[in-house]
């Protein structure tokens, strides 16, 4: 059962490509809420275990303990309704039900801060972020640096692997690219080079640094 308080709730969305500082900004806001002595709860999807099983972790290695859930519905089952601030990382892995959950939390008087990718590896809007953007009171768009040309990057480039929509990975599988350098999907040349290197293995004649 929701506990309705006298506080006015709202939704904040932090979105952008990988390597743009989304999780870092989420952690910063949650830490500020803790300094203000507010009750804070943090959630992340179980699929995201790249750096830690029970922490949200930025690419710069900022960390904060979080509860791990299998779906957005689990948040409403596990939350302490006395909490005033709710942080949700990697929202793009939570599915469309997160929209209803975030609305319910905000309507109950909570500050809901959501972080996630706004576009997928094909450059398309990545649900549920677009719907959350439309319903939120505050939006922060973060940009990365294009690894190819150094311009502001708004896209996440998948370099190899499956063509499934959700594939968890880090710098070995993704990089940030700008509008001009982005190639929707998996660049064929990059994939071929990776496969060749894997099959060929290390160069036996290469010198090893000592």
N, C-alpha and C. Protein backbone atom coordinates (compact mmCIF):
# COMPACT_ATOMS: atom_id res chain seq x y z
N UNK A 1 0.84 -1.20 0.00
CA UNK A 1 0.00 0.00 0.00
C UNK A 1 0.87 1.25 0.00
N UNK A 2 0.54 2.22 -0.83
CA UNK A 2 1.28 3.46 -0.87
C UNK A 2 0.97 4.30 0.37
N UNK A 3 1.99 4.98 0.87
CA UNK A 3 1.79 5.91 1.98
C UNK A 3 1.83 7.31 1.40
N UNK A 4 0.73 8.02 1.38
CA UNK A 4 0.66 9.36 0.82
C UNK A 4 1.10 10.35 1.89
N UNK A 5 2.08 11.17 1.57
CA UNK A 5 2.58 12.16 2.52
C UNK A 5 2.18 13.55 2.06
N UNK A 6 2.52 14.54 2.87
CA UNK A 6 2.23 15.92 2.51
C UNK A 6 3.25 16.49 1.54
N UNK A 7 4.31 15.73 1.25
CA UNK A 7 5.34 16.21 0.35
C UNK A 7 4.89 16.10 -1.11
N UNK A 8 5.41 16.99 -1.92
CA UNK A 8 5.13 16.93 -3.36
C UNK A 8 6.23 16.11 -4.02
N UNK A 9 5.86 15.06 -4.71
CA UNK A 9 6.84 14.22 -5.38
C UNK A 9 7.09 14.69 -6.80
N UNK A 10 8.18 14.20 -7.38
CA UNK A 10 8.47 14.51 -8.78
C UNK A 10 9.46 13.50 -9.34
N UNK A 11 9.64 13.55 -10.66
CA UNK A 11 10.54 12.64 -11.36
C UNK A 11 11.65 13.44 -12.04
N UNK A 12 12.88 13.02 -11.83
CA UNK A 12 14.03 13.59 -12.52
C UNK A 12 14.64 12.50 -13.39
N UNK A 13 14.96 12.83 -14.62
CA UNK A 13 15.57 11.87 -15.53
C UNK A 13 16.95 12.36 -15.96
N UNK A 14 17.94 11.50 -15.80
CA UNK A 14 19.30 11.75 -16.28
C UNK A 14 19.54 10.79 -17.43
N UNK A 15 19.74 11.28 -18.64
CA UNK A 15 19.85 10.40 -19.80
C UNK A 15 21.00 10.83 -20.70
N UNK A 16 21.41 9.92 -21.55
CA UNK A 16 22.50 10.18 -22.47
C UNK A 16 23.15 8.87 -22.87
N UNK A 17 24.25 8.92 -23.62
CA UNK A 17 24.93 7.70 -24.05
C UNK A 17 25.80 7.12 -22.93
N UNK A 18 26.39 5.96 -23.19
CA UNK A 18 27.36 5.42 -22.25
C UNK A 18 28.57 6.35 -22.17
N UNK A 19 29.24 6.32 -21.02
CA UNK A 19 30.46 7.09 -20.77
C UNK A 19 30.21 8.60 -20.70
N UNK A 20 28.97 8.99 -20.41
CA UNK A 20 28.65 10.41 -20.35
C UNK A 20 28.46 10.92 -18.92
N UNK A 21 28.64 10.04 -17.91
CA UNK A 21 28.54 10.48 -16.52
C UNK A 21 27.16 10.40 -15.91
N UNK A 22 26.27 9.58 -16.46
CA UNK A 22 24.90 9.48 -15.93
C UNK A 22 24.90 8.93 -14.50
N UNK A 23 25.57 7.80 -14.29
CA UNK A 23 25.59 7.19 -12.95
C UNK A 23 26.31 8.09 -11.96
N UNK A 24 27.35 8.77 -12.42
CA UNK A 24 28.07 9.70 -11.56
C UNK A 24 27.16 10.83 -11.09
N UNK A 25 26.35 11.36 -12.01
CA UNK A 25 25.41 12.43 -11.64
C UNK A 25 24.32 11.90 -10.71
N UNK A 26 23.86 10.68 -10.95
CA UNK A 26 22.87 10.07 -10.07
C UNK A 26 23.42 9.93 -8.66
N UNK A 27 24.63 9.40 -8.54
CA UNK A 27 25.26 9.24 -7.23
C UNK A 27 25.43 10.59 -6.53
N UNK A 28 25.83 11.61 -7.28
CA UNK A 28 26.02 12.94 -6.71
C UNK A 28 24.72 13.46 -6.09
N UNK A 29 23.61 13.31 -6.80
CA UNK A 29 22.33 13.80 -6.30
C UNK A 29 21.86 13.00 -5.08
N UNK A 30 22.09 11.69 -5.12
CA UNK A 30 21.68 10.86 -3.98
C UNK A 30 22.51 11.18 -2.75
N UNK A 31 23.80 11.45 -2.93
CA UNK A 31 24.64 11.80 -1.80
C UNK A 31 24.23 13.14 -1.20
N UNK A 32 23.83 14.08 -2.03
CA UNK A 32 23.34 15.37 -1.53
C UNK A 32 22.09 15.18 -0.70
N UNK A 33 21.21 14.27 -1.16
CA UNK A 33 19.99 13.98 -0.39
C UNK A 33 20.34 13.36 0.96
N UNK A 34 21.35 12.50 0.98
CA UNK A 34 21.77 11.89 2.24
C UNK A 34 22.35 12.94 3.19
N UNK A 35 23.13 13.88 2.64
CA UNK A 35 23.68 14.95 3.47
C UNK A 35 22.55 15.78 4.07
N UNK A 36 21.47 15.93 3.32
CA UNK A 36 20.30 16.66 3.82
C UNK A 36 19.45 15.82 4.77
N UNK A 37 19.96 14.65 5.13
CA UNK A 37 19.31 13.74 6.09
C UNK A 37 17.94 13.24 5.60
N UNK A 38 17.85 13.01 4.31
CA UNK A 38 16.64 12.42 3.76
C UNK A 38 16.81 10.90 3.67
N UNK A 39 15.69 10.21 3.76
CA UNK A 39 15.70 8.75 3.61
C UNK A 39 15.86 8.43 2.11
N UNK A 40 16.92 7.70 1.79
CA UNK A 40 17.24 7.42 0.38
C UNK A 40 17.28 5.91 0.15
N UNK A 41 16.68 5.47 -0.93
CA UNK A 41 16.80 4.08 -1.36
C UNK A 41 17.24 4.06 -2.83
N UNK A 42 18.06 3.07 -3.16
CA UNK A 42 18.63 2.98 -4.49
C UNK A 42 18.37 1.59 -5.07
N UNK A 43 18.02 1.54 -6.34
CA UNK A 43 17.73 0.27 -7.01
C UNK A 43 18.47 0.18 -8.33
N UNK A 44 18.86 -1.05 -8.69
CA UNK A 44 19.47 -1.33 -9.99
C UNK A 44 18.98 -2.68 -10.48
N UNK A 45 18.96 -2.91 -11.80
CA UNK A 45 18.50 -4.20 -12.34
C UNK A 45 19.56 -5.28 -12.15
N UNK A 46 19.11 -6.48 -11.89
CA UNK A 46 20.03 -7.60 -11.63
C UNK A 46 20.90 -7.91 -12.84
N UNK A 47 20.44 -7.57 -14.05
CA UNK A 47 21.21 -7.88 -15.25
C UNK A 47 22.51 -7.09 -15.31
N UNK A 48 22.57 -5.96 -14.60
CA UNK A 48 23.76 -5.12 -14.66
C UNK A 48 24.71 -5.47 -13.52
N UNK A 49 25.58 -6.45 -13.77
CA UNK A 49 26.57 -6.85 -12.76
C UNK A 49 27.99 -6.67 -13.30
N UNK A 50 28.18 -5.66 -14.16
CA UNK A 50 29.49 -5.45 -14.79
C UNK A 50 30.59 -5.15 -13.77
N UNK A 51 30.30 -4.29 -12.82
CA UNK A 51 31.32 -3.85 -11.87
C UNK A 51 31.03 -4.31 -10.44
N UNK A 52 29.77 -4.58 -10.14
CA UNK A 52 29.41 -4.98 -8.78
C UNK A 52 28.03 -5.61 -8.80
N UNK A 53 27.81 -6.55 -7.89
CA UNK A 53 26.50 -7.20 -7.79
C UNK A 53 25.49 -6.35 -7.04
N UNK A 54 25.94 -5.54 -6.08
CA UNK A 54 25.01 -4.81 -5.21
C UNK A 54 25.37 -3.34 -5.05
N UNK A 55 26.00 -2.76 -6.07
CA UNK A 55 26.31 -1.33 -6.05
C UNK A 55 26.02 -0.74 -7.43
N UNK A 56 25.65 0.53 -7.46
CA UNK A 56 25.69 1.24 -8.72
C UNK A 56 27.09 1.83 -8.82
N UNK A 57 27.69 1.70 -9.98
CA UNK A 57 29.10 2.07 -10.16
C UNK A 57 29.23 2.89 -11.43
N UNK A 58 29.85 4.04 -11.32
CA UNK A 58 30.11 4.86 -12.51
C UNK A 58 31.35 4.34 -13.21
N UNK A 59 31.55 4.76 -14.46
CA UNK A 59 32.76 4.34 -15.19
C UNK A 59 34.00 4.96 -14.56
N UNK A 60 33.80 6.01 -13.74
CA UNK A 60 34.91 6.59 -12.99
C UNK A 60 35.11 5.94 -11.64
N UNK A 61 34.36 4.85 -11.38
CA UNK A 61 34.47 4.03 -10.17
C UNK A 61 33.89 4.70 -8.92
N UNK A 62 32.96 5.64 -9.08
CA UNK A 62 32.18 6.08 -7.92
C UNK A 62 31.16 4.99 -7.63
N UNK A 63 30.95 4.70 -6.34
CA UNK A 63 30.09 3.58 -5.97
C UNK A 63 29.08 3.98 -4.90
N UNK A 64 27.92 3.30 -4.95
CA UNK A 64 26.90 3.47 -3.92
C UNK A 64 26.11 2.18 -3.80
N UNK A 65 25.90 1.74 -2.58
CA UNK A 65 25.16 0.49 -2.36
C UNK A 65 23.73 0.62 -2.90
N UNK A 66 23.24 -0.45 -3.50
CA UNK A 66 21.89 -0.44 -4.04
C UNK A 66 21.22 -1.78 -3.82
N UNK A 67 19.90 -1.77 -3.90
CA UNK A 67 19.14 -3.01 -3.89
C UNK A 67 19.03 -3.51 -5.33
N UNK A 68 19.09 -4.80 -5.51
CA UNK A 68 19.04 -5.40 -6.84
C UNK A 68 17.65 -5.97 -7.08
N UNK A 69 17.05 -5.61 -8.21
CA UNK A 69 15.71 -6.09 -8.54
C UNK A 69 15.71 -6.74 -9.91
N UNK A 70 14.78 -7.65 -10.11
CA UNK A 70 14.65 -8.34 -11.39
C UNK A 70 13.75 -7.59 -12.36
N UNK A 71 12.88 -6.74 -11.82
CA UNK A 71 11.94 -5.99 -12.65
C UNK A 71 11.53 -4.72 -11.92
N UNK A 72 10.90 -3.82 -12.65
CA UNK A 72 10.42 -2.58 -12.04
C UNK A 72 9.38 -2.86 -10.96
N UNK A 73 8.57 -3.89 -11.17
CA UNK A 73 7.53 -4.22 -10.19
C UNK A 73 8.13 -4.57 -8.84
N UNK A 74 9.34 -5.13 -8.83
CA UNK A 74 9.99 -5.49 -7.57
C UNK A 74 10.28 -4.26 -6.70
N UNK A 75 10.42 -3.10 -7.33
CA UNK A 75 10.71 -1.90 -6.56
C UNK A 75 9.57 -1.59 -5.59
N UNK A 76 8.34 -1.66 -6.06
CA UNK A 76 7.20 -1.35 -5.20
C UNK A 76 6.99 -2.42 -4.13
N UNK A 77 7.51 -3.62 -4.37
CA UNK A 77 7.38 -4.68 -3.38
C UNK A 77 8.42 -4.53 -2.28
N UNK A 78 9.58 -3.96 -2.60
CA UNK A 78 10.69 -3.94 -1.65
C UNK A 78 10.94 -2.58 -1.00
N UNK A 79 10.34 -1.54 -1.55
CA UNK A 79 10.64 -0.21 -1.06
C UNK A 79 10.09 0.03 0.34
N UNK A 80 10.82 0.80 1.12
CA UNK A 80 10.32 1.30 2.40
C UNK A 80 9.56 2.59 2.08
N UNK A 81 8.25 2.59 2.26
CA UNK A 81 7.44 3.71 1.82
C UNK A 81 7.69 4.97 2.63
N UNK A 82 8.51 4.87 3.68
CA UNK A 82 8.92 6.08 4.41
C UNK A 82 10.04 6.82 3.69
N UNK A 83 10.66 6.18 2.70
CA UNK A 83 11.76 6.80 1.97
C UNK A 83 11.27 8.05 1.24
N UNK A 84 12.16 9.04 1.19
CA UNK A 84 11.81 10.32 0.55
C UNK A 84 12.41 10.46 -0.84
N UNK A 85 13.55 9.79 -1.08
CA UNK A 85 14.23 9.88 -2.36
C UNK A 85 14.51 8.46 -2.87
N UNK A 86 14.18 8.21 -4.13
CA UNK A 86 14.39 6.90 -4.73
C UNK A 86 15.25 7.06 -5.98
N UNK A 87 16.40 6.40 -5.99
CA UNK A 87 17.28 6.42 -7.15
C UNK A 87 17.18 5.12 -7.92
N UNK A 88 17.11 5.21 -9.25
CA UNK A 88 17.01 4.02 -10.10
C UNK A 88 18.04 4.15 -11.22
N UNK A 89 19.01 3.25 -11.24
CA UNK A 89 20.07 3.30 -12.25
C UNK A 89 19.78 2.30 -13.37
N UNK A 90 20.36 2.54 -14.53
CA UNK A 90 20.21 1.67 -15.71
C UNK A 90 18.73 1.39 -15.99
N UNK A 91 17.95 2.46 -16.05
CA UNK A 91 16.51 2.34 -16.23
C UNK A 91 16.14 1.69 -17.55
N UNK A 92 17.03 1.76 -18.55
CA UNK A 92 16.75 1.16 -19.85
C UNK A 92 16.67 -0.36 -19.79
N UNK A 93 17.14 -0.96 -18.68
CA UNK A 93 17.03 -2.40 -18.50
C UNK A 93 15.76 -2.79 -17.73
N UNK A 94 14.99 -1.82 -17.29
CA UNK A 94 13.86 -2.09 -16.40
C UNK A 94 12.55 -2.41 -17.13
N UNK A 95 12.44 -2.03 -18.39
CA UNK A 95 11.23 -2.30 -19.14
C UNK A 95 10.16 -1.23 -18.97
N UNK A 96 9.10 -1.30 -19.78
CA UNK A 96 8.08 -0.25 -19.81
C UNK A 96 7.32 -0.09 -18.50
N UNK A 97 7.28 -1.12 -17.65
CA UNK A 97 6.55 -1.02 -16.39
C UNK A 97 7.16 0.02 -15.46
N UNK A 98 8.40 0.40 -15.70
CA UNK A 98 9.04 1.40 -14.85
C UNK A 98 8.31 2.74 -14.90
N UNK A 99 7.66 3.04 -16.01
CA UNK A 99 6.93 4.30 -16.13
C UNK A 99 5.83 4.37 -15.08
N UNK A 100 5.05 3.32 -14.98
CA UNK A 100 3.96 3.27 -13.99
C UNK A 100 4.53 3.31 -12.57
N UNK A 101 5.62 2.59 -12.34
CA UNK A 101 6.22 2.55 -11.00
C UNK A 101 6.73 3.93 -10.60
N UNK A 102 7.43 4.60 -11.50
CA UNK A 102 7.95 5.93 -11.20
C UNK A 102 6.82 6.91 -10.92
N UNK A 103 5.76 6.83 -11.70
CA UNK A 103 4.61 7.69 -11.48
C UNK A 103 3.99 7.44 -10.10
N UNK A 104 3.87 6.18 -9.74
CA UNK A 104 3.28 5.81 -8.45
C UNK A 104 4.14 6.34 -7.29
N UNK A 105 5.45 6.22 -7.42
CA UNK A 105 6.35 6.71 -6.38
C UNK A 105 6.27 8.23 -6.26
N UNK A 106 6.26 8.92 -7.39
CA UNK A 106 6.18 10.38 -7.37
C UNK A 106 4.84 10.85 -6.81
N UNK A 107 3.76 10.16 -7.17
CA UNK A 107 2.44 10.53 -6.67
C UNK A 107 2.33 10.34 -5.16
N UNK A 108 3.16 9.45 -4.61
CA UNK A 108 3.14 9.21 -3.17
C UNK A 108 4.02 10.21 -2.41
N UNK A 109 4.61 11.17 -3.13
CA UNK A 109 5.36 12.23 -2.49
C UNK A 109 6.87 12.05 -2.51
N UNK A 110 7.38 11.16 -3.36
CA UNK A 110 8.81 10.90 -3.37
C UNK A 110 9.52 11.60 -4.53
N UNK A 111 10.78 11.95 -4.29
CA UNK A 111 11.65 12.44 -5.35
C UNK A 111 12.25 11.22 -6.02
N UNK A 112 11.93 11.02 -7.29
CA UNK A 112 12.39 9.85 -8.04
C UNK A 112 13.43 10.30 -9.04
N UNK A 113 14.65 9.75 -8.92
CA UNK A 113 15.74 10.13 -9.82
C UNK A 113 16.12 8.90 -10.65
N UNK A 114 15.92 8.99 -11.95
CA UNK A 114 16.11 7.86 -12.85
C UNK A 114 17.26 8.15 -13.80
N UNK A 115 18.13 7.16 -14.00
CA UNK A 115 19.26 7.31 -14.91
C UNK A 115 19.23 6.19 -15.94
N UNK A 116 19.48 6.52 -17.22
CA UNK A 116 19.50 5.47 -18.23
C UNK A 116 19.81 5.97 -19.62
N UNK A 117 20.06 5.04 -20.53
CA UNK A 117 20.31 5.36 -21.93
C UNK A 117 19.02 5.82 -22.60
N UNK A 118 19.11 6.87 -23.40
CA UNK A 118 17.91 7.34 -24.10
C UNK A 118 17.82 6.82 -25.53
N UNK A 119 18.93 6.28 -26.07
CA UNK A 119 18.88 5.66 -27.39
C UNK A 119 19.62 4.33 -27.36
N UNK A 120 19.23 3.41 -28.24
CA UNK A 120 19.86 2.10 -28.28
C UNK A 120 21.00 2.07 -29.29
N UNK A 121 21.55 0.88 -29.55
CA UNK A 121 22.73 0.77 -30.41
C UNK A 121 22.42 1.03 -31.89
N UNK A 122 21.13 1.14 -32.21
CA UNK A 122 20.73 1.50 -33.56
C UNK A 122 20.37 2.98 -33.67
N UNK A 123 20.48 3.69 -32.56
CA UNK A 123 20.17 5.11 -32.56
C UNK A 123 18.70 5.42 -32.33
N UNK A 124 17.90 4.42 -31.98
CA UNK A 124 16.46 4.61 -31.77
C UNK A 124 16.18 4.95 -30.31
N UNK A 125 15.05 5.64 -30.02
CA UNK A 125 14.66 5.88 -28.63
C UNK A 125 14.58 4.57 -27.86
N UNK A 126 15.15 4.56 -26.66
CA UNK A 126 15.29 3.34 -25.87
C UNK A 126 14.27 3.37 -24.72
N UNK A 127 13.19 2.59 -24.88
CA UNK A 127 12.16 2.52 -23.84
C UNK A 127 12.76 1.96 -22.55
N UNK A 128 12.29 2.44 -21.38
CA UNK A 128 11.16 3.36 -21.17
C UNK A 128 11.56 4.83 -21.03
N UNK A 129 12.80 5.19 -21.36
CA UNK A 129 13.27 6.55 -21.13
C UNK A 129 12.42 7.61 -21.84
N UNK A 130 12.05 7.44 -23.13
CA UNK A 130 11.25 8.48 -23.77
C UNK A 130 9.95 8.82 -23.04
N UNK A 131 9.24 7.80 -22.55
CA UNK A 131 7.99 8.06 -21.80
C UNK A 131 8.29 8.76 -20.48
N UNK A 132 9.37 8.38 -19.82
CA UNK A 132 9.74 9.03 -18.57
C UNK A 132 10.10 10.50 -18.80
N UNK A 133 10.74 10.79 -19.94
CA UNK A 133 11.07 12.18 -20.27
C UNK A 133 9.80 13.01 -20.38
N UNK A 134 8.77 12.44 -20.99
CA UNK A 134 7.52 13.18 -21.19
C UNK A 134 6.80 13.43 -19.87
N UNK A 135 7.00 12.57 -18.89
CA UNK A 135 6.26 12.66 -17.62
C UNK A 135 7.07 13.32 -16.51
N UNK A 136 8.34 13.57 -16.74
CA UNK A 136 9.21 14.06 -15.67
C UNK A 136 9.11 15.57 -15.49
N UNK A 137 9.50 16.02 -14.30
CA UNK A 137 9.58 17.46 -14.01
C UNK A 137 10.95 18.03 -14.36
N UNK A 138 11.98 17.18 -14.39
CA UNK A 138 13.33 17.65 -14.63
C UNK A 138 14.07 16.67 -15.54
N UNK A 139 14.80 17.21 -16.53
CA UNK A 139 15.56 16.39 -17.48
C UNK A 139 16.99 16.90 -17.56
N UNK A 140 17.95 15.99 -17.43
CA UNK A 140 19.36 16.32 -17.62
C UNK A 140 19.90 15.43 -18.73
N UNK A 141 20.36 16.05 -19.82
CA UNK A 141 20.94 15.30 -20.94
C UNK A 141 22.46 15.40 -20.83
N UNK A 142 23.11 14.27 -20.62
CA UNK A 142 24.57 14.25 -20.52
C UNK A 142 25.16 13.83 -21.85
N UNK A 143 26.33 14.36 -22.17
CA UNK A 143 27.02 14.02 -23.41
C UNK A 143 28.40 13.46 -23.09
N UNK A 144 28.84 12.53 -23.91
CA UNK A 144 30.18 11.97 -23.77
C UNK A 144 31.10 12.66 -24.79
N UNK A 145 32.31 12.13 -24.94
CA UNK A 145 33.25 12.61 -25.93
C UNK A 145 33.42 11.55 -27.01
N UNK A 146 33.23 11.93 -28.26
CA UNK A 146 33.38 10.98 -29.36
C UNK A 146 34.82 10.50 -29.43
N UNK A 147 35.01 9.18 -29.38
CA UNK A 147 36.37 8.63 -29.39
C UNK A 147 37.03 8.75 -30.76
N UNK A 148 36.24 9.04 -31.79
CA UNK A 148 36.79 9.13 -33.14
C UNK A 148 37.25 10.54 -33.49
N UNK A 149 36.51 11.56 -33.05
CA UNK A 149 36.84 12.93 -33.48
C UNK A 149 36.89 13.94 -32.35
N UNK A 150 36.46 13.57 -31.15
CA UNK A 150 36.53 14.47 -30.02
C UNK A 150 35.36 15.41 -29.86
N UNK A 151 34.37 15.34 -30.74
CA UNK A 151 33.18 16.18 -30.62
C UNK A 151 32.23 15.62 -29.57
N UNK A 152 31.25 16.43 -29.12
CA UNK A 152 30.25 15.91 -28.16
C UNK A 152 29.54 14.69 -28.73
N UNK A 153 29.43 13.65 -27.92
CA UNK A 153 28.85 12.38 -28.39
C UNK A 153 27.50 12.13 -27.74
N UNK A 154 26.50 11.84 -28.55
CA UNK A 154 25.16 11.54 -28.07
C UNK A 154 24.76 10.09 -28.30
N UNK A 155 25.62 9.31 -28.98
CA UNK A 155 25.28 7.94 -29.32
C UNK A 155 26.18 6.93 -28.62
N UNK A 156 25.64 5.73 -28.40
CA UNK A 156 26.40 4.60 -27.90
C UNK A 156 26.64 3.64 -29.05
N UNK A 157 27.91 3.47 -29.44
CA UNK A 157 28.26 2.60 -30.56
C UNK A 157 28.59 1.20 -30.05
N UNK A 158 27.84 0.19 -30.48
CA UNK A 158 28.19 -1.19 -30.16
C UNK A 158 29.24 -1.66 -31.17
N UNK A 159 30.31 -2.23 -30.67
CA UNK A 159 31.43 -2.60 -31.53
C UNK A 159 31.39 -4.04 -32.00
N UNK A 160 30.76 -4.91 -31.24
CA UNK A 160 30.77 -6.33 -31.58
C UNK A 160 29.67 -7.03 -30.81
N UNK A 161 29.51 -8.33 -31.05
CA UNK A 161 28.59 -9.14 -30.27
C UNK A 161 27.22 -9.29 -30.91
N UNK A 162 26.25 -9.63 -30.09
CA UNK A 162 24.91 -9.96 -30.53
C UNK A 162 24.18 -8.73 -31.06
N UNK A 163 23.16 -8.97 -31.88
CA UNK A 163 22.29 -7.90 -32.35
C UNK A 163 21.03 -7.80 -31.51
N UNK A 164 21.00 -8.47 -30.34
CA UNK A 164 19.89 -8.31 -29.41
C UNK A 164 19.84 -6.87 -28.92
N UNK A 165 18.65 -6.42 -28.53
CA UNK A 165 18.52 -5.04 -28.07
C UNK A 165 19.34 -4.79 -26.81
N UNK A 166 19.26 -5.71 -25.84
CA UNK A 166 19.96 -5.53 -24.57
C UNK A 166 21.15 -6.48 -24.50
N UNK A 167 22.33 -5.90 -24.52
CA UNK A 167 23.58 -6.65 -24.35
C UNK A 167 24.43 -5.86 -23.37
N UNK A 168 24.65 -6.41 -22.18
CA UNK A 168 25.40 -5.69 -21.16
C UNK A 168 26.88 -5.77 -21.47
N UNK A 169 27.54 -4.62 -21.43
CA UNK A 169 28.97 -4.57 -21.70
C UNK A 169 29.53 -3.23 -21.29
N UNK A 170 30.84 -3.08 -21.43
CA UNK A 170 31.50 -1.83 -21.05
C UNK A 170 32.39 -1.37 -22.19
N UNK A 171 33.59 -0.87 -21.84
CA UNK A 171 34.46 -0.28 -22.86
C UNK A 171 34.96 -1.28 -23.88
N UNK A 172 34.91 -2.58 -23.55
CA UNK A 172 35.36 -3.58 -24.51
C UNK A 172 34.33 -3.83 -25.61
N UNK A 173 33.11 -3.35 -25.40
CA UNK A 173 32.04 -3.63 -26.35
C UNK A 173 31.37 -2.37 -26.88
N UNK A 174 31.52 -1.26 -26.18
CA UNK A 174 30.84 -0.03 -26.58
C UNK A 174 31.81 1.15 -26.56
N UNK A 175 31.47 2.17 -27.33
CA UNK A 175 32.18 3.44 -27.25
C UNK A 175 31.21 4.56 -27.60
N UNK A 176 31.56 5.76 -27.16
CA UNK A 176 30.71 6.92 -27.44
C UNK A 176 31.09 7.53 -28.78
N UNK A 177 30.07 7.93 -29.55
CA UNK A 177 30.32 8.57 -30.83
C UNK A 177 29.35 9.73 -31.05
N UNK A 178 29.79 10.69 -31.84
CA UNK A 178 28.97 11.84 -32.18
C UNK A 178 28.01 11.47 -33.31
N UNK A 179 27.18 12.41 -33.67
CA UNK A 179 26.20 12.19 -34.74
C UNK A 179 26.87 11.80 -36.07
N UNK A 180 27.99 12.43 -36.38
CA UNK A 180 28.66 12.17 -37.65
C UNK A 180 29.36 10.81 -37.68
N UNK A 181 29.99 10.42 -36.56
CA UNK A 181 30.78 9.19 -36.53
C UNK A 181 29.97 7.95 -36.19
N UNK A 182 28.75 8.14 -35.72
CA UNK A 182 27.93 7.00 -35.30
C UNK A 182 27.52 6.16 -36.50
N UNK A 183 27.62 4.82 -36.35
CA UNK A 183 27.17 3.87 -37.36
C UNK A 183 26.10 2.98 -36.73
N UNK A 184 24.83 3.15 -37.10
CA UNK A 184 23.77 2.33 -36.50
C UNK A 184 24.06 0.85 -36.63
N UNK A 185 23.92 0.12 -35.53
CA UNK A 185 24.21 -1.31 -35.54
C UNK A 185 25.65 -1.59 -35.16
N UNK A 186 26.20 -2.67 -35.69
CA UNK A 186 27.57 -3.08 -35.41
C UNK A 186 28.42 -2.83 -36.64
N UNK A 187 29.42 -1.97 -36.56
CA UNK A 187 30.27 -1.71 -37.74
C UNK A 187 30.90 -3.00 -38.25
N UNK A 188 30.72 -3.33 -39.51
CA UNK A 188 31.18 -4.61 -40.05
C UNK A 188 32.70 -4.73 -39.97
N UNK A 189 33.41 -3.66 -40.28
CA UNK A 189 34.87 -3.72 -40.28
C UNK A 189 35.39 -3.97 -38.87
N UNK A 190 34.80 -3.29 -37.89
CA UNK A 190 35.23 -3.47 -36.51
C UNK A 190 35.00 -4.91 -36.06
N UNK A 191 33.84 -5.45 -36.41
CA UNK A 191 33.52 -6.83 -36.03
C UNK A 191 34.50 -7.80 -36.69
N UNK A 192 34.81 -7.59 -37.95
CA UNK A 192 35.73 -8.49 -38.66
C UNK A 192 37.12 -8.44 -38.03
N UNK A 193 37.59 -7.25 -37.72
CA UNK A 193 38.91 -7.11 -37.13
C UNK A 193 38.98 -7.79 -35.78
N UNK A 194 37.90 -7.66 -35.01
CA UNK A 194 37.88 -8.29 -33.68
C UNK A 194 37.91 -9.81 -33.80
N UNK A 195 37.11 -10.34 -34.70
CA UNK A 195 37.05 -11.80 -34.88
C UNK A 195 38.40 -12.33 -35.37
N UNK A 196 39.03 -11.63 -36.32
CA UNK A 196 40.33 -12.06 -36.83
C UNK A 196 41.37 -12.08 -35.73
N UNK A 197 41.37 -11.05 -34.91
CA UNK A 197 42.35 -10.96 -33.82
C UNK A 197 42.14 -12.08 -32.82
N UNK A 198 40.86 -12.42 -32.59
CA UNK A 198 40.55 -13.48 -31.62
C UNK A 198 40.99 -14.84 -32.15
N UNK A 199 40.76 -15.07 -33.44
CA UNK A 199 41.13 -16.36 -34.05
C UNK A 199 42.64 -16.47 -34.17
N UNK A 200 43.27 -15.38 -34.57
CA UNK A 200 44.70 -15.39 -34.81
C UNK A 200 45.48 -15.49 -33.52
N UNK A 201 44.97 -14.85 -32.46
CA UNK A 201 45.66 -14.85 -31.18
C UNK A 201 46.82 -13.87 -31.19
N UNK A 202 47.60 -13.82 -30.13
CA UNK A 202 48.71 -12.88 -30.06
C UNK A 202 49.80 -13.23 -31.08
N UNK A 203 50.46 -12.19 -31.52
CA UNK A 203 51.54 -12.36 -32.49
C UNK A 203 52.74 -13.02 -31.79
N UNK A 204 53.14 -14.24 -32.23
CA UNK A 204 54.22 -14.94 -31.56
C UNK A 204 55.56 -14.21 -31.65
N UNK A 205 55.66 -13.32 -32.67
CA UNK A 205 56.91 -12.60 -32.84
C UNK A 205 56.95 -11.26 -32.12
N UNK A 206 55.83 -10.94 -31.45
CA UNK A 206 55.76 -9.64 -30.77
C UNK A 206 56.66 -9.65 -29.54
N UNK A 207 57.30 -8.53 -29.31
CA UNK A 207 58.18 -8.39 -28.14
C UNK A 207 57.33 -8.10 -26.90
N UNK A 208 57.68 -8.68 -25.80
CA UNK A 208 56.97 -8.46 -24.54
C UNK A 208 57.75 -7.47 -23.71
N UNK A 209 57.07 -6.39 -23.28
CA UNK A 209 57.74 -5.39 -22.46
C UNK A 209 58.08 -5.96 -21.09
N UNK A 210 59.27 -5.65 -20.61
CA UNK A 210 59.70 -6.13 -19.28
C UNK A 210 60.05 -4.95 -18.41
